[in-house]
PDB file of N, CA and C in Angstrom:
ATOM      1  N   MET A   1     -11.648 -11.450-103.435  1.00  0.00           N
ATOM      2  CA  MET A   1     -12.754 -11.238-102.516  1.00  0.00           C
ATOM      3  C   MET A   1     -13.829 -12.312-102.649  1.00  0.00           C
ATOM      4  N   HIS A   2     -13.966 -12.823-103.870  1.00  0.00           N
ATOM      5  CA  HIS A   2     -15.048 -13.775-104.116  1.00  0.00           C
ATOM      6  C   HIS A   2     -14.966 -14.990-103.193  1.00  0.00           C
ATOM      7  N   GLU A   3     -13.786 -15.539-103.023  1.00  0.00           N
ATOM      8  CA  GLU A   3     -13.642 -16.729-102.182  1.00  0.00           C
ATOM      9  C   GLU A   3     -13.999 -16.424-100.722  1.00  0.00           C
ATOM     10  N   GLU A   4     -13.637 -15.245-100.254  1.00  0.00           N
ATOM     11  CA  GLU A   4     -13.977 -14.864 -98.875  1.00  0.00           C
ATOM     12  C   GLU A   4     -15.478 -14.704 -98.710  1.00  0.00           C
ATOM     13  N   ILE A   5     -16.107 -14.101 -99.707  1.00  0.00           N
ATOM     14  CA  ILE A   5     -17.565 -13.941 -99.674  1.00  0.00           C
ATOM     15  C   ILE A   5     -18.230 -15.311 -99.676  1.00  0.00           C
ATOM     16  N   LEU A   6     -17.762 -16.202-100.528  1.00  0.00           N
ATOM     17  CA  LEU A   6     -18.337 -17.548-100.613  1.00  0.00           C
ATOM     18  C   LEU A   6     -18.182 -18.299 -99.296  1.00  0.00           C
ATOM     19  N   THR A   7     -17.031 -18.201 -98.668  1.00  0.00           N
ATOM     20  CA  THR A   7     -16.808 -18.880 -97.390  1.00  0.00           C
ATOM     21  C   THR A   7     -17.777 -18.367 -96.327  1.00  0.00           C
ATOM     22  N   LEU A   8     -17.941 -17.054 -96.259  1.00  0.00           N
ATOM     23  CA  LEU A   8     -18.888 -16.476 -95.294  1.00  0.00           C
ATOM     24  C   LEU A   8     -20.323 -16.898 -95.621  1.00  0.00           C
ATOM     25  N   ALA A   9     -20.685 -16.843 -96.896  1.00  0.00           N
ATOM     26  CA  ALA A   9     -22.050 -17.186 -97.303  1.00  0.00           C
ATOM     27  C   ALA A   9     -22.369 -18.653 -97.030  1.00  0.00           C
ATOM     28  N   GLU A  10     -21.379 -19.524 -97.197  1.00  0.00           N
ATOM     29  CA  GLU A  10     -21.595 -20.942 -96.883  1.00  0.00           C
ATOM     30  C   GLU A  10     -21.954 -21.108 -95.409  1.00  0.00           C
ATOM     31  N   THR A  11     -21.245 -20.393 -94.559  1.00  0.00           N
ATOM     32  CA  THR A  11     -21.524 -20.471 -93.121  1.00  0.00           C
ATOM     33  C   THR A  11     -22.895 -19.892 -92.801  1.00  0.00           C
ATOM     34  N   LEU A  12     -23.194 -18.727 -93.359  1.00  0.00           N
ATOM     35  CA  LEU A  12     -24.471 -18.063 -93.073  1.00  0.00           C
ATOM     36  C   LEU A  12     -25.669 -18.862 -93.584  1.00  0.00           C
ATOM     37  N   SER A  13     -25.521 -19.462 -94.748  1.00  0.00           N
ATOM     38  CA  SER A  13     -26.660 -20.133 -95.378  1.00  0.00           C
ATOM     39  C   SER A  13     -26.770 -21.601 -95.009  1.00  0.00           C
ATOM     40  N   GLY A  14     -25.688 -22.174 -94.484  1.00  0.00           N
ATOM     41  CA  GLY A  14     -25.701 -23.604 -94.218  1.00  0.00           C
ATOM     42  C   GLY A  14     -25.812 -24.404 -95.501  1.00  0.00           C
ATOM     43  N   ALA A  15     -25.237 -23.879 -96.581  1.00  0.00           N
ATOM     44  CA  ALA A  15     -25.355 -24.526 -97.887  1.00  0.00           C
ATOM     45  C   ALA A  15     -24.753 -25.931 -97.867  1.00  0.00           C
ATOM     46  N   SER A  16     -25.462 -26.847 -98.471  1.00  0.00           N
ATOM     47  CA  SER A  16     -24.958 -28.213 -98.599  1.00  0.00           C
ATOM     48  C   SER A  16     -23.962 -28.257 -99.756  1.00  0.00           C
ATOM     49  N   GLU A  17     -23.263 -29.357 -99.871  1.00  0.00           N
ATOM     50  CA  GLU A  17     -22.307 -29.525-100.966  1.00  0.00           C
ATOM     51  C   GLU A  17     -23.001 -29.399-102.322  1.00  0.00           C
ATOM     52  N   ASP A  18     -24.231 -29.896-102.406  1.00  0.00           N
ATOM     53  CA  ASP A  18     -24.993 -29.825-103.653  1.00  0.00           C
ATOM     54  C   ASP A  18     -25.392 -28.390-104.008  1.00  0.00           C
ATOM     55  N   GLU A  19     -25.427 -27.510-103.034  1.00  0.00           N
ATOM     56  CA  GLU A  19     -25.854 -26.127-103.256  1.00  0.00           C
ATOM     57  C   GLU A  19     -24.688 -25.165-103.497  1.00  0.00           C
ATOM     58  N   THR A  20     -23.461 -25.647-103.390  1.00  0.00           N
ATOM     59  CA  THR A  20     -22.294 -24.767-103.455  1.00  0.00           C
ATOM     60  C   THR A  20     -22.196 -24.017-104.779  1.00  0.00           C
ATOM     61  N   GLN A  21     -22.463 -24.677-105.877  1.00  0.00           N
ATOM     62  CA  GLN A  21     -22.370 -24.020-107.183  1.00  0.00           C
ATOM     63  C   GLN A  21     -23.396 -22.895-107.302  1.00  0.00           C
ATOM     64  N   THR A  22     -24.604 -23.145-106.840  1.00  0.00           N
ATOM     65  CA  THR A  22     -25.640 -22.117-106.866  1.00  0.00           C
ATOM     66  C   THR A  22     -25.258 -20.954-105.962  1.00  0.00           C
ATOM     67  N   LEU A  23     -24.771 -21.271-104.783  1.00  0.00           N
ATOM     68  CA  LEU A  23     -24.358 -20.221-103.853  1.00  0.00           C
ATOM     69  C   LEU A  23     -23.216 -19.389-104.437  1.00  0.00           C
ATOM     70  N   ALA A  24     -22.296 -20.017-105.136  1.00  0.00           N
ATOM     71  CA  ALA A  24     -21.194 -19.274-105.763  1.00  0.00           C
ATOM     72  C   ALA A  24     -21.729 -18.263-106.778  1.00  0.00           C
ATOM     73  N   LEU A  25     -22.749 -18.638-107.524  1.00  0.00           N
ATOM     74  CA  LEU A  25     -23.376 -17.701-108.469  1.00  0.00           C
ATOM     75  C   LEU A  25     -24.049 -16.556-107.732  1.00  0.00           C
ATOM     76  N   PHE A  26     -24.738 -16.876-106.645  1.00  0.00           N
ATOM     77  CA  PHE A  26     -25.361 -15.826-105.841  1.00  0.00           C
ATOM     78  C   PHE A  26     -24.299 -14.876-105.279  1.00  0.00           C
ATOM     79  N   CYS A  27     -23.149 -15.416-104.908  1.00  0.00           N
ATOM     80  CA  CYS A  27     -22.062 -14.579-104.382  1.00  0.00           C
ATOM     81  C   CYS A  27     -21.537 -13.625-105.451  1.00  0.00           C
ATOM     82  N   THR A  28     -21.386 -14.120-106.663  1.00  0.00           N
ATOM     83  CA  THR A  28     -20.937 -13.277-107.769  1.00  0.00           C
ATOM     84  C   THR A  28     -21.916 -12.136-107.999  1.00  0.00           C
ATOM     85  N   ALA A  29     -23.199 -12.454-108.006  1.00  0.00           N
ATOM     86  CA  ALA A  29     -24.232 -11.436-108.205  1.00  0.00           C
ATOM     87  C   ALA A  29     -24.265 -10.441-107.044  1.00  0.00           C
ATOM     88  N   ALA A  30     -24.127 -10.939-105.818  1.00  0.00           N
ATOM     89  CA  ALA A  30     -24.158 -10.059-104.642  1.00  0.00           C
ATOM     90  C   ALA A  30     -22.958  -9.120-104.628  1.00  0.00           C
ATOM     91  N   GLU A  31     -21.799  -9.636-104.983  1.00  0.00           N
ATOM     92  CA  GLU A  31     -20.604  -8.792-105.040  1.00  0.00           C
ATOM     93  C   GLU A  31     -20.795  -7.680-106.072  1.00  0.00           C
ATOM     94  N   ALA A  32     -21.329  -8.026-107.241  1.00  0.00           N
ATOM     95  CA  ALA A  32     -21.582  -7.020-108.282  1.00  0.00           C
ATOM     96  C   ALA A  32     -22.608  -5.995-107.822  1.00  0.00           C
ATOM     97  N   LEU A  33     -23.657  -6.450-107.155  1.00  0.00           N
ATOM     98  CA  LEU A  33     -24.686  -5.544-106.645  1.00  0.00           C
ATOM     99  C   LEU A  33     -24.087  -4.513-105.693  1.00  0.00           C
ATOM    100  N   TRP A  34     -23.276  -4.970-104.736  1.00  0.00           N
ATOM    101  CA  TRP A  34     -22.713  -4.039-103.754  1.00  0.00           C
ATOM    102  C   TRP A  34     -21.636  -3.159-104.366  1.00  0.00           C
ATOM    103  N   ARG A  35     -20.924  -3.623-105.375  1.00  0.00           N
ATOM    104  CA  ARG A  35     -19.963  -2.752-106.075  1.00  0.00           C
ATOM    105  C   ARG A  35     -20.703  -1.595-106.751  1.00  0.00           C
ATOM    106  N   ARG A  36     -21.844  -1.910-107.386  1.00  0.00           N
ATOM    107  CA  ARG A  36     -22.647  -0.865-108.038  1.00  0.00           C
ATOM    108  C   ARG A  36     -23.226   0.126-107.042  1.00  0.00           C
ATOM    109  N   ARG A  37     -23.533  -0.343-105.846  1.00  0.00           N
ATOM    110  CA  ARG A  37     -24.174   0.506-104.843  1.00  0.00           C
ATOM    111  C   ARG A  37     -23.205   1.406-104.073  1.00  0.00           C
ATOM    112  N   LEU A  38     -21.899   1.187-104.195  1.00  0.00           N
ATOM    113  CA  LEU A  38     -20.937   2.003-103.458  1.00  0.00           C
ATOM    114  C   LEU A  38     -21.025   3.461-103.892  1.00  0.00           C
ATOM    115  N   ARG A  39     -20.894   4.356-102.918  1.00  0.00           N
ATOM    116  CA  ARG A  39     -20.859   5.783-103.222  1.00  0.00           C
ATOM    117  C   ARG A  39     -19.643   6.083-104.086  1.00  0.00           C
ATOM    118  N   GLY A  40     -19.728   7.143-104.870  1.00  0.00           N
ATOM    119  CA  GLY A  40     -18.617   7.555-105.714  1.00  0.00           C
ATOM    120  C   GLY A  40     -17.336   7.727-104.912  1.00  0.00           C
ATOM    121  N   GLY A  41     -16.260   7.161-105.408  1.00  0.00           N
ATOM    122  CA  GLY A  41     -14.970   7.285-104.748  1.00  0.00           C
ATOM    123  C   GLY A  41     -14.692   6.250-103.679  1.00  0.00           C
ATOM    124  N   VAL A  42     -15.691   5.462-103.291  1.00  0.00           N
ATOM    125  CA  VAL A  42     -15.502   4.421-102.277  1.00  0.00           C
ATOM    126  C   VAL A  42     -15.215   3.102-102.995  1.00  0.00           C
ATOM    127  N   THR A  43     -14.178   2.416-102.550  1.00  0.00           N
ATOM    128  CA  THR A  43     -13.843   1.115-103.128  1.00  0.00           C
ATOM    129  C   THR A  43     -14.184   0.008-102.129  1.00  0.00           C
ATOM    130  N   PRO A  44     -14.378  -1.214-102.614  1.00  0.00           N
ATOM    131  CA  PRO A  44     -14.642  -2.320-101.697  1.00  0.00           C
ATOM    132  C   PRO A  44     -13.526  -2.508-100.663  1.00  0.00           C
ATOM    133  N   GLU A  45     -12.309  -2.208-101.052  1.00  0.00           N
ATOM    134  CA  GLU A  45     -11.178  -2.361-100.134  1.00  0.00           C
ATOM    135  C   GLU A  45     -11.260  -1.382 -98.958  1.00  0.00           C
ATOM    136  N   GLU A  46     -11.829  -0.205 -99.196  1.00  0.00           N
ATOM    137  CA  GLU A  46     -11.949   0.803 -98.134  1.00  0.00           C
ATOM    138  C   GLU A  46     -12.959   0.404 -97.059  1.00  0.00           C
ATOM    139  N   CYS A  47     -13.906  -0.415 -97.423  1.00  0.00           N
ATOM    140  CA  CYS A  47     -14.923  -0.869 -96.469  1.00  0.00           C
ATOM    141  C   CYS A  47     -14.950  -2.389 -96.467  1.00  0.00           C
ATOM    142  N   ARG A  48     -13.790  -2.986 -96.543  1.00  0.00           N
ATOM    143  CA  ARG A  48     -13.605  -4.421 -96.766  1.00  0.00           C
ATOM    144  C   ARG A  48     -14.490  -5.312 -95.894  1.00  0.00           C
ATOM    145  N   GLU A  49     -14.425  -5.134 -94.588  1.00  0.00           N
ATOM    146  CA  GLU A  49     -15.173  -6.023 -93.692  1.00  0.00           C
ATOM    147  C   GLU A  49     -16.672  -5.908 -93.926  1.00  0.00           C
ATOM    148  N   ALA A  50     -17.174  -4.681 -94.011  1.00  0.00           N
ATOM    149  CA  ALA A  50     -18.600  -4.484 -94.246  1.00  0.00           C
ATOM    150  C   ALA A  50     -19.007  -5.021 -95.613  1.00  0.00           C
ATOM    151  N   PHE A  51     -18.160  -4.790 -96.613  1.00  0.00           N
ATOM    152  CA  PHE A  51     -18.456  -5.245 -97.966  1.00  0.00           C
ATOM    153  C   PHE A  51     -18.538  -6.769 -98.039  1.00  0.00           C
ATOM    154  N   LEU A  52     -17.552  -7.444 -97.457  1.00  0.00           N
ATOM    155  CA  LEU A  52     -17.552  -8.908 -97.461  1.00  0.00           C
ATOM    156  C   LEU A  52     -18.798  -9.455 -96.778  1.00  0.00           C
ATOM    157  N   CYS A  53     -19.108  -8.906 -95.621  1.00  0.00           N
ATOM    158  CA  CYS A  53     -20.281  -9.381 -94.869  1.00  0.00           C
ATOM    159  C   CYS A  53     -21.572  -9.090 -95.614  1.00  0.00           C
ATOM    160  N   ALA A  54     -21.705  -7.890 -96.181  1.00  0.00           N
ATOM    161  CA  ALA A  54     -22.937  -7.521 -96.886  1.00  0.00           C
ATOM    162  C   ALA A  54     -23.149  -8.409 -98.109  1.00  0.00           C
ATOM    163  N   ALA A  55     -22.095  -8.665 -98.866  1.00  0.00           N
ATOM    164  CA  ALA A  55     -22.227  -9.524-100.042  1.00  0.00           C
ATOM    165  C   ALA A  55     -22.590 -10.951 -99.626  1.00  0.00           C
ATOM    166  N   ALA A  56     -21.982 -11.440 -98.562  1.00  0.00           N
ATOM    167  CA  ALA A  56     -22.293 -12.789 -98.078  1.00  0.00           C
ATOM    168  C   ALA A  56     -23.735 -12.861 -97.572  1.00  0.00           C
ATOM    169  N   LEU A  57     -24.176 -11.831 -96.868  1.00  0.00           N
ATOM    170  CA  LEU A  57     -25.559 -11.790 -96.385  1.00  0.00           C
ATOM    171  C   LEU A  57     -26.539 -11.781 -97.558  1.00  0.00           C
ATOM    172  N   GLU A  58     -26.236 -10.996 -98.577  1.00  0.00           N
ATOM    173  CA  GLU A  58     -27.099 -10.934 -99.765  1.00  0.00           C
ATOM    174  C   GLU A  58     -27.167 -12.293-100.459  1.00  0.00           C
ATOM    175  N   ALA A  59     -26.022 -12.961-100.594  1.00  0.00           N
ATOM    176  CA  ALA A  59     -25.998 -14.287-101.220  1.00  0.00           C
ATOM    177  C   ALA A  59     -26.770 -15.301-100.378  1.00  0.00           C
ATOM    178  N   ALA A  60     -26.615 -15.241 -99.063  1.00  0.00           N
ATOM    179  CA  ALA A  60     -27.351 -16.146 -98.173  1.00  0.00           C
ATOM    180  C   ALA A  60     -28.855 -15.881 -98.262  1.00  0.00           C
ATOM    181  N   ALA A  61     -29.230 -14.619 -98.425  1.00  0.00           N
ATOM    182  CA  ALA A  61     -30.645 -14.274 -98.592  1.00  0.00           C
ATOM    183  C   ALA A  61     -31.194 -14.876 -99.878  1.00  0.00           C
ATOM    184  N   ALA A  62     -30.428 -14.775-100.946  1.00  0.00           N
ATOM    185  CA  ALA A  62     -30.857 -15.361-102.215  1.00  0.00           C
ATOM    186  C   ALA A  62     -31.003 -16.877-102.091  1.00  0.00           C
ATOM    187  N   MET A  63     -30.082 -17.506-101.367  1.00  0.00           N
ATOM    188  CA  MET A  63     -30.158 -18.950-101.161  1.00  0.00           C
ATOM    189  C   MET A  63     -31.409 -19.311-100.364  1.00  0.00           C
ATOM    190  N   ALA A  64     -31.690 -18.534 -99.326  1.00  0.00           N
ATOM    191  CA  ALA A  64     -32.880 -18.801 -98.513  1.00  0.00           C
ATOM    192  C   ALA A  64     -34.144 -18.729 -99.365  1.00  0.00           C
ATOM    193  N   GLN A  65     -34.214 -17.729-100.240  1.00  0.00           N
ATOM    194  CA  GLN A  65     -35.392 -17.601-101.103  1.00  0.00           C
ATOM    195  C   GLN A  65     -35.452 -18.725-102.131  1.00  0.00           C
ATOM    196  N   SER A  66     -34.314 -19.139-102.646  1.00  0.00           N
ATOM    197  CA  SER A  66     -34.306 -20.180-103.679  1.00  0.00           C
ATOM    198  C   SER A  66     -34.749 -21.530-103.146  1.00  0.00           C
ATOM    199  N   ARG A  67     -34.622 -21.719-101.858  1.00  0.00           N
ATOM    200  CA  ARG A  67     -35.017 -22.997-101.250  1.00  0.00           C
ATOM    201  C   ARG A  67     -36.521 -23.106-101.089  1.00  0.00           C
ATOM    202  N   GLY A  68     -37.236 -22.061-101.403  1.00  0.00           N
ATOM    203  CA  GLY A  68     -38.684 -22.110-101.287  1.00  0.00           C
ATOM    204  C   GLY A  68     -39.154 -22.148 -99.854  1.00  0.00           C
ATOM    205  N   GLY A  69     -38.398 -21.558 -98.964  1.00  0.00           N
ATOM    206  CA  GLY A  69     -38.820 -21.450 -97.588  1.00  0.00           C
ATOM    207  C   GLY A  69     -38.085 -22.336 -96.615  1.00  0.00           C
ATOM    208  N   ALA A  70     -37.250 -23.219 -97.066  1.00  0.00           N
ATOM    209  CA  ALA A  70     -36.558 -24.108 -96.128  1.00  0.00           C
ATOM    210  C   ALA A  70     -35.148 -23.588 -95.855  1.00  0.00           C
ATOM    211  N   VAL A  71     -34.888 -23.236 -94.618  1.00  0.00           N
ATOM    212  CA  VAL A  71     -33.561 -22.818 -94.185  1.00  0.00           C
ATOM    213  C   VAL A  71     -33.108 -23.818 -93.149  1.00  0.00           C
ATOM    214  N   ARG A  72     -31.901 -24.352 -93.328  1.00  0.00           N
ATOM    215  CA  ARG A  72     -31.437 -25.358 -92.384  1.00  0.00           C
ATOM    216  C   ARG A  72     -29.927 -25.277 -92.241  1.00  0.00           C
ATOM    217  N   PHE A  73     -29.456 -25.513 -91.035  1.00  0.00           N
ATOM    218  CA  PHE A  73     -28.020 -25.658 -90.821  1.00  0.00           C
ATOM    219  C   PHE A  73     -27.775 -26.368 -89.511  1.00  0.00           C
ATOM    220  N   THR A  74     -26.592 -26.944 -89.405  1.00  0.00           N
ATOM    221  CA  THR A  74     -26.194 -27.666 -88.209  1.00  0.00           C
ATOM    222  C   THR A  74     -24.876 -27.103 -87.728  1.00  0.00           C
ATOM    223  N   ALA A  75     -24.800 -26.840 -86.441  1.00  0.00           N
ATOM    224  CA  ALA A  75     -23.560 -26.378 -85.816  1.00  0.00           C
ATOM    225  C   ALA A  75     -23.315 -27.291 -84.622  1.00  0.00           C
ATOM    226  N   GLY A  76     -22.357 -28.198 -84.765  1.00  0.00           N
ATOM    227  CA  GLY A  76     -22.102 -29.150 -83.687  1.00  0.00           C
ATOM    228  C   GLY A  76     -23.281 -30.072 -83.508  1.00  0.00           C
ATOM    229  N   ASP A  77     -23.830 -30.105 -82.289  1.00  0.00           N
ATOM    230  CA  ASP A  77     -24.972 -30.964 -81.984  1.00  0.00           C
ATOM    231  C   ASP A  77     -26.314 -30.275 -82.176  1.00  0.00           C
ATOM    232  N   VAL A  78     -26.283 -29.008 -82.621  1.00  0.00           N
ATOM    233  CA  VAL A  78     -27.514 -28.233 -82.745  1.00  0.00           C
ATOM    234  C   VAL A  78     -27.898 -28.105 -84.212  1.00  0.00           C
ATOM    235  N   SER A  79     -29.141 -28.445 -84.520  1.00  0.00           N
ATOM    236  CA  SER A  79     -29.678 -28.271 -85.873  1.00  0.00           C
ATOM    237  C   SER A  79     -30.794 -27.243 -85.814  1.00  0.00           C
ATOM    238  N   VAL A  80     -30.810 -26.362 -86.796  1.00  0.00           N
ATOM    239  CA  VAL A  80     -31.840 -25.329 -86.865  1.00  0.00           C
ATOM    240  C   VAL A  80     -32.538 -25.454 -88.204  1.00  0.00           C
ATOM    241  N   ALA A  81     -33.852 -25.409 -88.192  1.00  0.00           N
ATOM    242  CA  ALA A  81     -34.632 -25.428 -89.421  1.00  0.00           C
ATOM    243  C   ALA A  81     -35.694 -24.354 -89.331  1.00  0.00           C
ATOM    244  N   GLU A  82     -35.896 -23.648 -90.420  1.00  0.00           N
ATOM    245  CA  GLU A  82     -36.904 -22.599 -90.479  1.00  0.00           C
ATOM    246  C   GLU A  82     -37.675 -22.787 -91.768  1.00  0.00           C
ATOM    247  N   THR A  83     -38.963 -22.541 -91.742  1.00  0.00           N
ATOM    248  CA  THR A  83     -39.763 -22.796 -92.923  1.00  0.00           C
ATOM    249  C   THR A  83     -40.058 -21.555 -93.746  1.00  0.00           C
ATOM    250  N   ASP A  84     -39.836 -20.354 -93.226  1.00  0.00           N
ATOM    251  CA  ASP A  84     -40.152 -19.149 -93.978  1.00  0.00           C
ATOM    252  C   ASP A  84     -38.878 -18.479 -94.475  1.00  0.00           C
ATOM    253  N   GLY A  85     -38.407 -18.914 -95.632  1.00  0.00           N
ATOM    254  CA  GLY A  85     -37.200 -18.354 -96.219  1.00  0.00           C
ATOM    255  C   GLY A  85     -37.342 -16.892 -96.576  1.00  0.00           C
ATOM    256  N   GLY A  86     -38.562 -16.447 -96.881  1.00  0.00           N
ATOM    257  CA  GLY A  86     -38.794 -15.041 -97.223  1.00  0.00           C
ATOM    258  C   GLY A  86     -38.476 -14.111 -96.072  1.00  0.00           C
ATOM    259  N   GLN A  87     -38.885 -14.486 -94.867  1.00  0.00           N
ATOM    260  CA  GLN A  87     -38.594 -13.661 -93.687  1.00  0.00           C
ATOM    261  C   GLN A  87     -37.102 -13.666 -93.381  1.00  0.00           C
ATOM    262  N   THR A  88     -36.476 -14.807 -93.510  1.00  0.00           N
ATOM    263  CA  THR A  88     -35.043 -14.908 -93.285  1.00  0.00           C
ATOM    264  C   THR A  88     -34.296 -14.054 -94.296  1.00  0.00           C
ATOM    265  N   ALA A  89     -34.671 -14.153 -95.562  1.00  0.00           N
ATOM    266  CA  ALA A  89     -34.018 -13.376 -96.611  1.00  0.00           C
ATOM    267  C   ALA A  89     -34.154 -11.878 -96.336  1.00  0.00           C
ATOM    268  N   ALA A  90     -35.325 -11.442 -95.934  1.00  0.00           N
ATOM    269  CA  ALA A  90     -35.535 -10.021 -95.646  1.00  0.00           C
ATOM    270  C   ALA A  90     -34.658  -9.559 -94.487  1.00  0.00           C
ATOM    271  N   ALA A  91     -34.552 -10.379 -93.446  1.00  0.00           N
ATOM    272  CA  ALA A  91     -33.716 -10.022 -92.298  1.00  0.00           C
ATOM    273  C   ALA A  91     -32.242  -9.950 -92.687  1.00  0.00           C
ATOM    274  N   LEU A  92     -31.789 -10.885 -93.506  1.00  0.00           N
ATOM    275  CA  LEU A  92     -30.398 -10.874 -93.961  1.00  0.00           C
ATOM    276  C   LEU A  92     -30.116  -9.638 -94.804  1.00  0.00           C
ATOM    277  N   ARG A  93     -31.050  -9.274 -95.662  1.00  0.00           N
ATOM    278  CA  ARG A  93     -30.856  -8.089 -96.509  1.00  0.00           C
ATOM    279  C   ARG A  93     -30.878  -6.803 -95.685  1.00  0.00           C
ATOM    280  N   ARG A  94     -31.713  -6.740 -94.670  1.00  0.00           N
ATOM    281  CA  ARG A  94     -31.720  -5.560 -93.786  1.00  0.00           C
ATOM    282  C   ARG A  94     -30.371  -5.391 -93.105  1.00  0.00           C
ATOM    283  N   GLU A  95     -29.792  -6.493 -92.658  1.00  0.00           N
ATOM    284  CA  GLU A  95     -28.486  -6.431 -92.004  1.00  0.00           C
ATOM    285  C   GLU A  95     -27.407  -5.986 -92.991  1.00  0.00           C
ATOM    286  N   ALA A  96     -27.465  -6.479 -94.213  1.00  0.00           N
ATOM    287  CA  ALA A  96     -26.508  -6.050 -95.240  1.00  0.00           C
ATOM    288  C   ALA A  96     -26.631  -4.543 -95.483  1.00  0.00           C
ATOM    289  N   GLU A  97     -27.847  -4.059 -95.586  1.00  0.00           N
ATOM    290  CA  GLU A  97     -28.077  -2.616 -95.777  1.00  0.00           C
ATOM    291  C   GLU A  97     -27.522  -1.818 -94.600  1.00  0.00           C
ATOM    292  N   ARG A  98     -27.741  -2.304 -93.393  1.00  0.00           N
ATOM    293  CA  ARG A  98     -27.260  -1.606 -92.197  1.00  0.00           C
ATOM    294  C   ARG A  98     -25.739  -1.526 -92.200  1.00  0.00           C
ATOM    295  N   LEU A  99     -25.079  -2.611 -92.540  1.00  0.00           N
ATOM    296  CA  LEU A  99     -23.618  -2.627 -92.570  1.00  0.00           C
ATOM    297  C   LEU A  99     -23.054  -1.670 -93.615  1.00  0.00           C
ATOM    298  N   MET A 100     -23.717  -1.589 -94.747  1.00  0.00           N
ATOM    299  CA  MET A 100     -23.191  -0.787 -95.856  1.00  0.00           C
ATOM    300  C   MET A 100     -23.702   0.648 -95.881  1.00  0.00           C
ATOM    301  N   GLU A 101     -24.568   0.998 -94.966  1.00  0.00           N
ATOM    302  CA  GLU A 101     -25.153   2.341 -94.959  1.00  0.00           C
ATOM    303  C   GLU A 101     -24.118   3.459 -95.070  1.00  0.00           C
ATOM    304  N   PRO A 102     -22.996   3.398 -94.335  1.00  0.00           N
ATOM    305  CA  PRO A 102     -22.026   4.493 -94.452  1.00  0.00           C
ATOM    306  C   PRO A 102     -21.313   4.555 -95.801  1.00  0.00           C
ATOM    307  N   TYR A 103     -21.365   3.499 -96.587  1.00  0.00           N
ATOM    308  CA  TYR A 103     -20.572   3.408 -97.812  1.00  0.00           C
ATOM    309  C   TYR A 103     -21.393   3.365 -99.091  1.00  0.00           C
ATOM    310  N   ALA A 104     -22.671   3.042 -98.984  1.00  0.00           N
ATOM    311  CA  ALA A 104     -23.494   2.803-100.169  1.00  0.00           C
ATOM    312  C   ALA A 104     -24.365   4.010-100.496  1.00  0.00           C
ATOM    313  N   ALA A 105     -24.562   4.186-101.798  1.00  0.00           N
ATOM    314  CA  ALA A 105     -25.511   5.185-102.266  1.00  0.00           C
ATOM    315  C   ALA A 105     -26.910   4.623-102.050  1.00  0.00           C
ATOM    316  N   GLY A 106     -27.889   5.474-102.064  1.00  0.00           N
ATOM    317  CA  GLY A 106     -29.274   5.024-101.906  1.00  0.00           C
ATOM    318  C   GLY A 106     -29.668   4.064-103.010  1.00  0.00           C
ATOM    319  N   ASP A 107     -30.721   3.312-102.769  1.00  0.00           N
ATOM    320  CA  ASP A 107     -31.165   2.331-103.756  1.00  0.00           C
ATOM    321  C   ASP A 107     -32.203   2.902-104.715  1.00  0.00           C
ATOM    322  N   GLY A 108     -32.417   4.211-104.654  1.00  0.00           N
ATOM    323  CA  GLY A 108     -33.353   4.841-105.569  1.00  0.00           C
ATOM    324  C   GLY A 108     -34.767   4.919-105.041  1.00  0.00           C
ATOM    325  N   PHE A 109     -35.022   4.385-103.873  1.00  0.00           N
ATOM    326  CA  PHE A 109     -36.360   4.425-103.280  1.00  0.00           C
ATOM    327  C   PHE A 109     -36.508   5.705-102.469  1.00  0.00           C
ATOM    328  N   ALA A 110     -37.606   6.382-102.639  1.00  0.00           N
ATOM    329  CA  ALA A 110     -37.865   7.604-101.863  1.00  0.00           C
ATOM    330  C   ALA A 110     -39.359   7.733-101.613  1.00  0.00           C
ATOM    331  N   VAL A 111     -39.693   8.324-100.493  1.00  0.00           N
ATOM    332  CA  VAL A 111     -41.083   8.636-100.180  1.00  0.00           C
ATOM    333  C   VAL A 111     -41.210  10.150-100.240  1.00  0.00           C
ATOM    334  N   LEU A 112     -42.085  10.611-101.098  1.00  0.00           N
ATOM    335  CA  LEU A 112     -42.265  12.038-101.281  1.00  0.00           C
ATOM    336  C   LEU A 112     -43.635  12.444-100.758  1.00  0.00           C
ATOM    337  N   GLY A 113     -43.686  13.632-100.191  1.00  0.00           N
ATOM    338  CA  GLY A 113     -44.966  14.150 -99.707  1.00  0.00           C
ATOM    339  C   GLY A 113     -45.792  14.688-100.865  1.00  0.00           C
ATOM    340  N   VAL A 114     -47.088  14.595-100.717  1.00  0.00           N
ATOM    341  CA  VAL A 114     -48.000  15.109-101.736  1.00  0.00           C
ATOM    342  C   VAL A 114     -48.874  16.166-101.075  1.00  0.00           C
ATOM    343  N   ARG A 115     -48.893  17.338-101.676  1.00  0.00           N
ATOM    344  CA  ARG A 115     -49.761  18.389-101.130  1.00  0.00           C
ATOM    345  C   ARG A 115     -51.217  18.049-101.376  1.00  0.00           C
ATOM    346  N   GLY A 116     -51.995  18.246-100.370  1.00  0.00           N
ATOM    347  CA  GLY A 116     -53.389  17.860-100.517  1.00  0.00           C
ATOM    348  C   GLY A 116     -54.337  18.970-100.452  1.00  0.00           C
TER     349      GLY A 116
END
């Protein structure tokens, strides 16, 4: 699965050749994160497509943050550059959460009411 996640993350992040090693580490961490978050009894193979995409999105988010705000990629004749990596990272992580919602346990965050 790792190679598939890395291939997707390279496309999503627009990682340069110099960034590939760092991105591979982010992919390893993202894969481990989503394995831990799976609901009991659910395997990555059971939600393969969502799992691969979510891990790649998480790795791309980490790459965006590590660049200190610079996101860039080229597709054919079109180049895209963005200066706020934090916003990009947050959007990528939201999409990963949305994809994995049916398969992942909660992240431990809850809002509780307080009687006043």
